[in-house]
Amino acid sequence: MKMKNQYPMFRRGNVWWCHENQTGKQESLKTKDKTEAVRLLSIRNEPYRFSAFNLQLARTHLQMSNPEITRRTWQGLMDSVIQGQSFE
């Protein structure tokens, strides 16, 4: 199943543009070269294609930077805030 791109591409005059599906905002890719436009568009669409993977990757980085994060509770966080301690 092919996923619909968040940013489809189109040409206006000689310049390539993209259209954001959620907001309807259109923005120039500032290039006349189709190959470069496809590359720029791929960069914009990448986070939407692998959002679950990116979320897990972010969680892994967070856990590696602070191993205690997996054992924290909301109460522990609120106690830290009240005492004026760092969130780390």
PDB file of N, CA and C in Angstrom:
ATOM      1  N   MET A   1       0.841  -1.182   0.000  1.00  0.00           N
ATOM      2  CA  MET A   1       0.000   0.000   0.000  1.00  0.00           C
ATOM      3  C   MET A   1       0.884   1.243   0.000  1.00  0.00           C
ATOM      4  N   LYS A   2       0.699   2.089  -0.979  1.00  0.00           N
ATOM      5  CA  LYS A   2       1.493   3.303  -1.083  1.00  0.00           C
ATOM      6  C   LYS A   2       0.870   4.389  -0.217  1.00  0.00           C
ATOM      7  N   MET A   3       1.725   5.018   0.599  1.00  0.00           N
ATOM      8  CA  MET A   3       1.266   6.068   1.487  1.00  0.00           C
ATOM      9  C   MET A   3       1.191   7.389   0.731  1.00  0.00           C
ATOM     10  N   LYS A   4       0.153   8.163   0.986  1.00  0.00           N
ATOM     11  CA  LYS A   4      -0.002   9.465   0.350  1.00  0.00           C
ATOM     12  C   LYS A   4       1.023  10.434   0.931  1.00  0.00           C
ATOM     13  N   ASN A   5       1.713  11.149   0.042  1.00  0.00           N
ATOM     14  CA  ASN A   5       2.713  12.104   0.491  1.00  0.00           C
ATOM     15  C   ASN A   5       2.056  13.288   1.188  1.00  0.00           C
ATOM     16  N   GLN A   6       2.701  13.757   2.245  1.00  0.00           N
ATOM     17  CA  GLN A   6       2.239  14.955   2.940  1.00  0.00           C
ATOM     18  C   GLN A   6       2.417  16.176   2.053  1.00  0.00           C
ATOM     19  N   TYR A   7       3.467  16.170   1.230  1.00  0.00           N
ATOM     20  CA  TYR A   7       3.793  17.296   0.361  1.00  0.00           C
ATOM     21  C   TYR A   7       3.842  16.837  -1.096  1.00  0.00           C
ATOM     22  N   PRO A   8       2.747  16.935  -1.841  1.00  0.00           N
ATOM     23  CA  PRO A   8       2.847  16.664  -3.271  1.00  0.00           C
ATOM     24  C   PRO A   8       3.538  17.834  -3.979  1.00  0.00           C
ATOM     25  N   MET A   9       4.071  17.564  -5.163  1.00  0.00           N
ATOM     26  CA  MET A   9       4.856  18.540  -5.905  1.00  0.00           C
ATOM     27  C   MET A   9       4.131  18.912  -7.190  1.00  0.00           C
ATOM     28  N   PHE A  10       4.280  20.163  -7.594  1.00  0.00           N
ATOM     29  CA  PHE A  10       3.727  20.605  -8.873  1.00  0.00           C
ATOM     30  C   PHE A  10       4.595  21.717  -9.437  1.00  0.00           C
ATOM     31  N   ARG A  11       4.392  22.022 -10.699  1.00  0.00           N
ATOM     32  CA  ARG A  11       5.186  23.057 -11.346  1.00  0.00           C
ATOM     33  C   ARG A  11       4.321  24.266 -11.648  1.00  0.00           C
ATOM     34  N   ARG A  12       4.827  25.432 -11.331  1.00  0.00           N
ATOM     35  CA  ARG A  12       4.156  26.683 -11.651  1.00  0.00           C
ATOM     36  C   ARG A  12       5.158  27.490 -12.470  1.00  0.00           C
ATOM     37  N   GLY A  13       4.859  27.648 -13.765  1.00  0.00           N
ATOM     38  CA  GLY A  13       5.843  28.260 -14.664  1.00  0.00           C
ATOM     39  C   GLY A  13       6.994  27.296 -14.836  1.00  0.00           C
ATOM     40  N   ASN A  14       8.204  27.752 -14.562  1.00  0.00           N
ATOM     41  CA  ASN A  14       9.388  26.892 -14.652  1.00  0.00           C
ATOM     42  C   ASN A  14       9.876  26.409 -13.294  1.00  0.00           C
ATOM     43  N   VAL A  15       9.241  26.838 -12.223  1.00  0.00           N
ATOM     44  CA  VAL A  15       9.713  26.546 -10.864  1.00  0.00           C
ATOM     45  C   VAL A  15       8.828  25.473 -10.226  1.00  0.00           C
ATOM     46  N   TRP A  16       9.464  24.572  -9.469  1.00  0.00           N
ATOM     47  CA  TRP A  16       8.736  23.519  -8.764  1.00  0.00           C
ATOM     48  C   TRP A  16       8.266  24.024  -7.400  1.00  0.00           C
ATOM     49  N   TRP A  17       7.058  23.623  -7.039  1.00  0.00           N
ATOM     50  CA  TRP A  17       6.422  24.013  -5.782  1.00  0.00           C
ATOM     51  C   TRP A  17       5.943  22.765  -5.060  1.00  0.00           C
ATOM     52  N   CYS A  18       5.662  22.915  -3.766  1.00  0.00           N
ATOM     53  CA  CYS A  18       5.032  21.833  -3.009  1.00  0.00           C
ATOM     54  C   CYS A  18       3.783  22.377  -2.325  1.00  0.00           C
ATOM     55  N   HIS A  19       2.886  21.466  -2.022  1.00  0.00           N
ATOM     56  CA  HIS A  19       1.602  21.807  -1.409  1.00  0.00           C
ATOM     57  C   HIS A  19       1.478  20.954  -0.151  1.00  0.00           C
ATOM     58  N   GLU A  20       1.320  21.594   1.015  1.00  0.00           N
ATOM     59  CA  GLU A  20       1.148  20.834   2.253  1.00  0.00           C
ATOM     60  C   GLU A  20      -0.317  20.432   2.378  1.00  0.00           C
ATOM     61  N   ASN A  21      -0.571  19.128   2.443  1.00  0.00           N
ATOM     62  CA  ASN A  21      -1.943  18.621   2.464  1.00  0.00           C
ATOM     63  C   ASN A  21      -2.733  19.054   3.693  1.00  0.00           C
ATOM     64  N   GLN A  22      -2.097  19.138   4.858  1.00  0.00           N
ATOM     65  CA  GLN A  22      -2.829  19.476   6.078  1.00  0.00           C
ATOM     66  C   GLN A  22      -3.295  20.921   6.097  1.00  0.00           C
ATOM     67  N   THR A  23      -2.424  21.848   5.728  1.00  0.00           N
ATOM     68  CA  THR A  23      -2.755  23.266   5.851  1.00  0.00           C
ATOM     69  C   THR A  23      -3.170  23.908   4.531  1.00  0.00           C
ATOM     70  N   GLY A  24      -2.839  23.269   3.420  1.00  0.00           N
ATOM     71  CA  GLY A  24      -3.125  23.854   2.117  1.00  0.00           C
ATOM     72  C   GLY A  24      -2.099  24.887   1.685  1.00  0.00           C
ATOM     73  N   LYS A  25      -1.071  25.092   2.503  1.00  0.00           N
ATOM     74  CA  LYS A  25      -0.029  26.076   2.206  1.00  0.00           C
ATOM     75  C   LYS A  25       0.821  25.598   1.027  1.00  0.00           C
ATOM     76  N   GLN A  26       1.088  26.524   0.108  1.00  0.00           N
ATOM     77  CA  GLN A  26       1.947  26.220  -1.026  1.00  0.00           C
ATOM     78  C   GLN A  26       3.247  26.996  -0.882  1.00  0.00           C
ATOM     79  N   GLU A  27       4.361  26.317  -1.194  1.00  0.00           N
ATOM     80  CA  GLU A  27       5.663  26.936  -1.015  1.00  0.00           C
ATOM     81  C   GLU A  27       6.575  26.550  -2.177  1.00  0.00           C
ATOM     82  N   SER A  28       7.324  27.521  -2.661  1.00  0.00           N
ATOM     83  CA  SER A  28       8.261  27.276  -3.746  1.00  0.00           C
ATOM     84  C   SER A  28       9.430  26.432  -3.253  1.00  0.00           C
ATOM     85  N   LEU A  29       9.869  25.486  -4.083  1.00  0.00           N
ATOM     86  CA  LEU A  29      11.065  24.718  -3.782  1.00  0.00           C
ATOM     87  C   LEU A  29      12.303  25.437  -4.316  1.00  0.00           C
ATOM     88  N   LYS A  30      12.082  26.559  -4.991  1.00  0.00           N
ATOM     89  CA  LYS A  30      13.139  27.451  -5.483  1.00  0.00           C
ATOM     90  C   LYS A  30      14.122  26.760  -6.405  1.00  0.00           C
ATOM     91  N   THR A  31      13.603  25.882  -7.251  1.00  0.00           N
ATOM     92  CA  THR A  31      14.451  25.224  -8.234  1.00  0.00           C
ATOM     93  C   THR A  31      13.658  24.947  -9.506  1.00  0.00           C
ATOM     94  N   LYS A  32      14.362  24.953 -10.628  1.00  0.00           N
ATOM     95  CA  LYS A  32      13.769  24.601 -11.911  1.00  0.00           C
ATOM     96  C   LYS A  32      14.105  23.172 -12.293  1.00  0.00           C
ATOM     97  N   ASP A  33      15.036  22.582 -11.552  1.00  0.00           N
ATOM     98  CA  ASP A  33      15.503  21.226 -11.823  1.00  0.00           C
ATOM     99  C   ASP A  33      14.595  20.208 -11.132  1.00  0.00           C
ATOM    100  N   LYS A  34      13.982  19.338 -11.926  1.00  0.00           N
ATOM    101  CA  LYS A  34      13.041  18.370 -11.367  1.00  0.00           C
ATOM    102  C   LYS A  34      13.732  17.389 -10.408  1.00  0.00           C
ATOM    103  N   THR A  35      14.943  16.958 -10.725  1.00  0.00           N
ATOM    104  CA  THR A  35      15.665  16.015  -9.866  1.00  0.00           C
ATOM    105  C   THR A  35      15.923  16.622  -8.492  1.00  0.00           C
ATOM    106  N   GLU A  36      16.338  17.869  -8.466  1.00  0.00           N
ATOM    107  CA  GLU A  36      16.575  18.536  -7.188  1.00  0.00           C
ATOM    108  C   GLU A  36      15.263  18.751  -6.433  1.00  0.00           C
ATOM    109  N   ALA A  37      14.197  19.068  -7.147  1.00  0.00           N
ATOM    110  CA  ALA A  37      12.889  19.256  -6.518  1.00  0.00           C
ATOM    111  C   ALA A  37      12.413  17.959  -5.870  1.00  0.00           C
ATOM    112  N   VAL A  38      12.604  16.837  -6.552  1.00  0.00           N
ATOM    113  CA  VAL A  38      12.215  15.535  -5.990  1.00  0.00           C
ATOM    114  C   VAL A  38      13.021  15.247  -4.728  1.00  0.00           C
ATOM    115  N   ARG A  39      14.325  15.575  -4.735  1.00  0.00           N
ATOM    116  CA  ARG A  39      15.170  15.364  -3.562  1.00  0.00           C
ATOM    117  C   ARG A  39      14.702  16.231  -2.393  1.00  0.00           C
ATOM    118  N   LEU A  40      14.416  17.512  -2.652  1.00  0.00           N
ATOM    119  CA  LEU A  40      13.941  18.413  -1.596  1.00  0.00           C
ATOM    120  C   LEU A  40      12.596  17.948  -1.032  1.00  0.00           C
ATOM    121  N   LEU A  41      11.740  17.486  -1.917  1.00  0.00           N
ATOM    122  CA  LEU A  41      10.426  17.010  -1.491  1.00  0.00           C
ATOM    123  C   LEU A  41      10.539  15.733  -0.663  1.00  0.00           C
ATOM    124  N   SER A  42      11.470  14.872  -1.047  1.00  0.00           N
ATOM    125  CA  SER A  42      11.692  13.636  -0.294  1.00  0.00           C
ATOM    126  C   SER A  42      12.111  13.942   1.137  1.00  0.00           C
ATOM    127  N   ILE A  43      12.943  14.973   1.303  1.00  0.00           N
ATOM    128  CA  ILE A  43      13.377  15.382   2.639  1.00  0.00           C
ATOM    129  C   ILE A  43      12.187  15.848   3.465  1.00  0.00           C
ATOM    130  N   ARG A  44      11.269  16.568   2.845  1.00  0.00           N
ATOM    131  CA  ARG A  44      10.081  17.050   3.570  1.00  0.00           C
ATOM    132  C   ARG A  44       9.127  15.912   3.930  1.00  0.00           C
ATOM    133  N   ASN A  45       8.995  14.919   3.053  1.00  0.00           N
ATOM    134  CA  ASN A  45       8.056  13.821   3.284  1.00  0.00           C
ATOM    135  C   ASN A  45       8.602  12.745   4.214  1.00  0.00           C
ATOM    136  N   GLU A  46       9.929  12.683   4.388  1.00  0.00           N
ATOM    137  CA  GLU A  46      10.560  11.623   5.175  1.00  0.00           C
ATOM    138  C   GLU A  46       9.996  11.477   6.592  1.00  0.00           C
ATOM    139  N   PRO A  47       9.859  12.543   7.370  1.00  0.00           N
ATOM    140  CA  PRO A  47       9.339  12.359   8.738  1.00  0.00           C
ATOM    141  C   PRO A  47       7.932  11.756   8.784  1.00  0.00           C
ATOM    142  N   TYR A  48       7.120  11.996   7.776  1.00  0.00           N
ATOM    143  CA  TYR A  48       5.756  11.466   7.764  1.00  0.00           C
ATOM    144  C   TYR A  48       5.723   9.993   7.393  1.00  0.00           C
ATOM    145  N   ARG A  49       6.692   9.547   6.620  1.00  0.00           N
ATOM    146  CA  ARG A  49       6.736   8.146   6.215  1.00  0.00           C
ATOM    147  C   ARG A  49       7.130   7.240   7.363  1.00  0.00           C
ATOM    148  N   PHE A  50       8.026   7.713   8.199  1.00  0.00           N
ATOM    149  CA  PHE A  50       8.582   6.874   9.255  1.00  0.00           C
ATOM    150  C   PHE A  50       8.338   7.475  10.633  1.00  0.00           C
ATOM    151  N   SER A  51       7.171   8.047  10.849  1.00  0.00           N
ATOM    152  CA  SER A  51       6.915   8.746  12.110  1.00  0.00           C
ATOM    153  C   SER A  51       7.000   7.821  13.321  1.00  0.00           C
ATOM    154  N   ALA A  52       6.493   6.598  13.212  1.00  0.00           N
ATOM    155  CA  ALA A  52       6.561   5.673  14.347  1.00  0.00           C
ATOM    156  C   ALA A  52       8.010   5.303  14.652  1.00  0.00           C
ATOM    157  N   PHE A  53       8.796   5.090  13.615  1.00  0.00           N
ATOM    158  CA  PHE A  53      10.214   4.773  13.795  1.00  0.00           C
ATOM    159  C   PHE A  53      10.942   5.953  14.432  1.00  0.00           C
ATOM    160  N   ASN A  54      10.670   7.164  13.937  1.00  0.00           N
ATOM    161  CA  ASN A  54      11.326   8.356  14.484  1.00  0.00           C
ATOM    162  C   ASN A  54      10.971   8.560  15.949  1.00  0.00           C
ATOM    163  N   LEU A  55       9.726   8.287  16.325  1.00  0.00           N
ATOM    164  CA  LEU A  55       9.314   8.404  17.715  1.00  0.00           C
ATOM    165  C   LEU A  55      10.065   7.408  18.601  1.00  0.00           C
ATOM    166  N   GLN A  56      10.181   6.173  18.136  1.00  0.00           N
ATOM    167  CA  GLN A  56      10.912   5.165  18.900  1.00  0.00           C
ATOM    168  C   GLN A  56      12.393   5.524  18.997  1.00  0.00           C
ATOM    169  N   LEU A  57      12.951   6.063  17.925  1.00  0.00           N
ATOM    170  CA  LEU A  57      14.347   6.486  17.924  1.00  0.00           C
ATOM    171  C   LEU A  57      14.570   7.605  18.945  1.00  0.00           C
ATOM    172  N   ALA A  58      13.640   8.550  18.999  1.00  0.00           N
ATOM    173  CA  ALA A  58      13.745   9.646  19.970  1.00  0.00           C
ATOM    174  C   ALA A  58      13.659   9.100  21.400  1.00  0.00           C
ATOM    175  N   ARG A  59      12.774   8.155  21.630  1.00  0.00           N
ATOM    176  CA  ARG A  59      12.653   7.555  22.958  1.00  0.00           C
ATOM    177  C   ARG A  59      13.944   6.840  23.363  1.00  0.00           C
ATOM    178  N   THR A  60      14.544   6.157  22.397  1.00  0.00           N
ATOM    179  CA  THR A  60      15.792   5.446  22.668  1.00  0.00           C
ATOM    180  C   THR A  60      16.896   6.428  23.027  1.00  0.00           C
ATOM    181  N   HIS A  61      17.011   7.524  22.271  1.00  0.00           N
ATOM    182  CA  HIS A  61      18.026   8.536  22.582  1.00  0.00           C
ATOM    183  C   HIS A  61      17.795   9.136  23.966  1.00  0.00           C
ATOM    184  N   LEU A  62      16.547   9.407  24.297  1.00  0.00           N
ATOM    185  CA  LEU A  62      16.227   9.961  25.606  1.00  0.00           C
ATOM    186  C   LEU A  62      16.597   8.990  26.721  1.00  0.00           C
ATOM    187  N   GLN A  63      16.264   7.723  26.504  1.00  0.00           N
ATOM    188  CA  GLN A  63      16.569   6.715  27.515  1.00  0.00           C
ATOM    189  C   GLN A  63      18.078   6.550  27.685  1.00  0.00           C
ATOM    190  N   MET A  64      18.826   6.626  26.594  1.00  0.00           N
ATOM    191  CA  MET A  64      20.277   6.470  26.680  1.00  0.00           C
ATOM    192  C   MET A  64      20.914   7.679  27.380  1.00  0.00           C
ATOM    193  N   SER A  65      20.319   8.855  27.225  1.00  0.00           N
ATOM    194  CA  SER A  65      20.876  10.034  27.875  1.00  0.00           C
ATOM    195  C   SER A  65      20.530  10.074  29.364  1.00  0.00           C
ATOM    196  N   ASN A  66      19.426   9.401  29.756  1.00  0.00           N
ATOM    197  CA  ASN A  66      19.011   9.380  31.154  1.00  0.00           C
ATOM    198  C   ASN A  66      18.311   8.049  31.439  1.00  0.00           C
ATOM    199  N   PRO A  67      19.055   7.027  31.885  1.00  0.00           N
ATOM    200  CA  PRO A  67      18.456   5.700  32.115  1.00  0.00           C
ATOM    201  C   PRO A  67      17.321   5.699  33.145  1.00  0.00           C
ATOM    202  N   GLU A  68      17.293   6.673  34.043  1.00  0.00           N
ATOM    203  CA  GLU A  68      16.242   6.740  35.063  1.00  0.00           C
ATOM    204  C   GLU A  68      14.881   7.100  34.466  1.00  0.00           C
ATOM    205  N   ILE A  69      14.857   7.592  33.251  1.00  0.00           N
ATOM    206  CA  ILE A  69      13.616   8.081  32.641  1.00  0.00           C
ATOM    207  C   ILE A  69      12.542   6.989  32.559  1.00  0.00           C
ATOM    208  N   THR A  70      12.955   5.731  32.411  1.00  0.00           N
ATOM    209  CA  THR A  70      11.963   4.650  32.284  1.00  0.00           C
ATOM    210  C   THR A  70      11.286   4.312  33.606  1.00  0.00           C
ATOM    211  N   ARG A  71      11.915   4.704  34.713  1.00  0.00           N
ATOM    212  CA  ARG A  71      11.344   4.396  36.034  1.00  0.00           C
ATOM    213  C   ARG A  71      10.645   5.592  36.667  1.00  0.00           C
ATOM    214  N   ARG A  72      10.613   6.717  35.973  1.00  0.00           N
ATOM    215  CA  ARG A  72      10.007   7.924  36.544  1.00  0.00           C
ATOM    216  C   ARG A  72       8.488   7.858  36.489  1.00  0.00           C
ATOM    217  N   THR A  73       7.876   8.521  37.430  1.00  0.00           N
ATOM    218  CA  THR A  73       6.415   8.627  37.457  1.00  0.00           C
ATOM    219  C   THR A  73       6.046  10.106  37.361  1.00  0.00           C
ATOM    220  N   TRP A  74       4.782  10.362  37.068  1.00  0.00           N
ATOM    221  CA  TRP A  74       4.320  11.757  37.036  1.00  0.00           C
ATOM    222  C   TRP A  74       4.468  12.401  38.411  1.00  0.00           C
ATOM    223  N   GLN A  75       4.221  11.612  39.447  1.00  0.00           N
ATOM    224  CA  GLN A  75       4.349  12.158  40.805  1.00  0.00           C
ATOM    225  C   GLN A  75       5.788  12.564  41.086  1.00  0.00           C
ATOM    226  N   GLY A  76       6.725  11.738  40.665  1.00  0.00           N
ATOM    227  CA  GLY A  76       8.133  12.073  40.842  1.00  0.00           C
ATOM    228  C   GLY A  76       8.520  13.331  40.087  1.00  0.00           C
ATOM    229  N   LEU A  77       7.989  13.485  38.892  1.00  0.00           N
ATOM    230  CA  LEU A  77       8.247  14.686  38.105  1.00  0.00           C
ATOM    231  C   LEU A  77       7.671  15.917  38.803  1.00  0.00           C
ATOM    232  N   MET A  78       6.434  15.812  39.281  1.00  0.00           N
ATOM    233  CA  MET A  78       5.796  16.949  39.957  1.00  0.00           C
ATOM    234  C   MET A  78       6.529  17.308  41.249  1.00  0.00           C
ATOM    235  N   ASP A  79       7.009  16.302  41.976  1.00  0.00           N
ATOM    236  CA  ASP A  79       7.789  16.565  43.187  1.00  0.00           C
ATOM    237  C   ASP A  79       9.069  17.327  42.844  1.00  0.00           C
ATOM    238  N   SER A  80       9.712  16.956  41.740  1.00  0.00           N
ATOM    239  CA  SER A  80      10.924  17.648  41.294  1.00  0.00           C
ATOM    240  C   SER A  80      10.624  19.087  40.932  1.00  0.00           C
ATOM    241  N   VAL A  81       9.507  19.315  40.281  1.00  0.00           N
ATOM    242  CA  VAL A  81       9.135  20.686  39.886  1.00  0.00           C
ATOM    243  C   VAL A  81       8.887  21.541  41.130  1.00  0.00           C
ATOM    244  N   ILE A  82       8.173  20.973  42.087  1.00  0.00           N
ATOM    245  CA  ILE A  82       7.875  21.704  43.320  1.00  0.00           C
ATOM    246  C   ILE A  82       9.155  22.052  44.081  1.00  0.00           C
ATOM    247  N   GLN A  83      10.106  21.136  44.079  1.00  0.00           N
ATOM    248  CA  GLN A  83      11.368  21.371  44.786  1.00  0.00           C
ATOM    249  C   GLN A  83      12.329  22.215  43.959  1.00  0.00           C
ATOM    250  N   GLY A  84      11.974  22.537  42.718  1.00  0.00           N
ATOM    251  CA  GLY A  84      12.822  23.367  41.869  1.00  0.00           C
ATOM    252  C   GLY A  84      14.019  22.645  41.302  1.00  0.00           C
ATOM    253  N   GLN A  85      13.932  21.321  41.192  1.00  0.00           N
ATOM    254  CA  GLN A  85      15.042  20.539  40.659  1.00  0.00           C
ATOM    255  C   GLN A  85      14.929  20.462  39.142  1.00  0.00           C
ATOM    256  N   SER A  86      16.033  20.035  38.562  1.00  0.00           N
ATOM    257  CA  SER A  86      16.078  19.831  37.107  1.00  0.00           C
ATOM    258  C   SER A  86      15.194  18.626  36.746  1.00  0.00           C
ATOM    259  N   PHE A  87      14.674  18.614  35.507  1.00  0.00           N
ATOM    260  CA  PHE A  87      13.840  17.502  35.034  1.00  0.00           C
ATOM    261  C   PHE A  87      14.657  16.269  34.695  1.00  0.00           C
ATOM    262  N   GLU A  88      15.945  16.406  34.621  1.00  0.00           N
ATOM    263  CA  GLU A  88      16.794  15.274  34.233  1.00  0.00           C
ATOM    264  C   GLU A  88      17.008  14.410  35.379  1.00  0.00           C
TER     265      GLU A  88
END
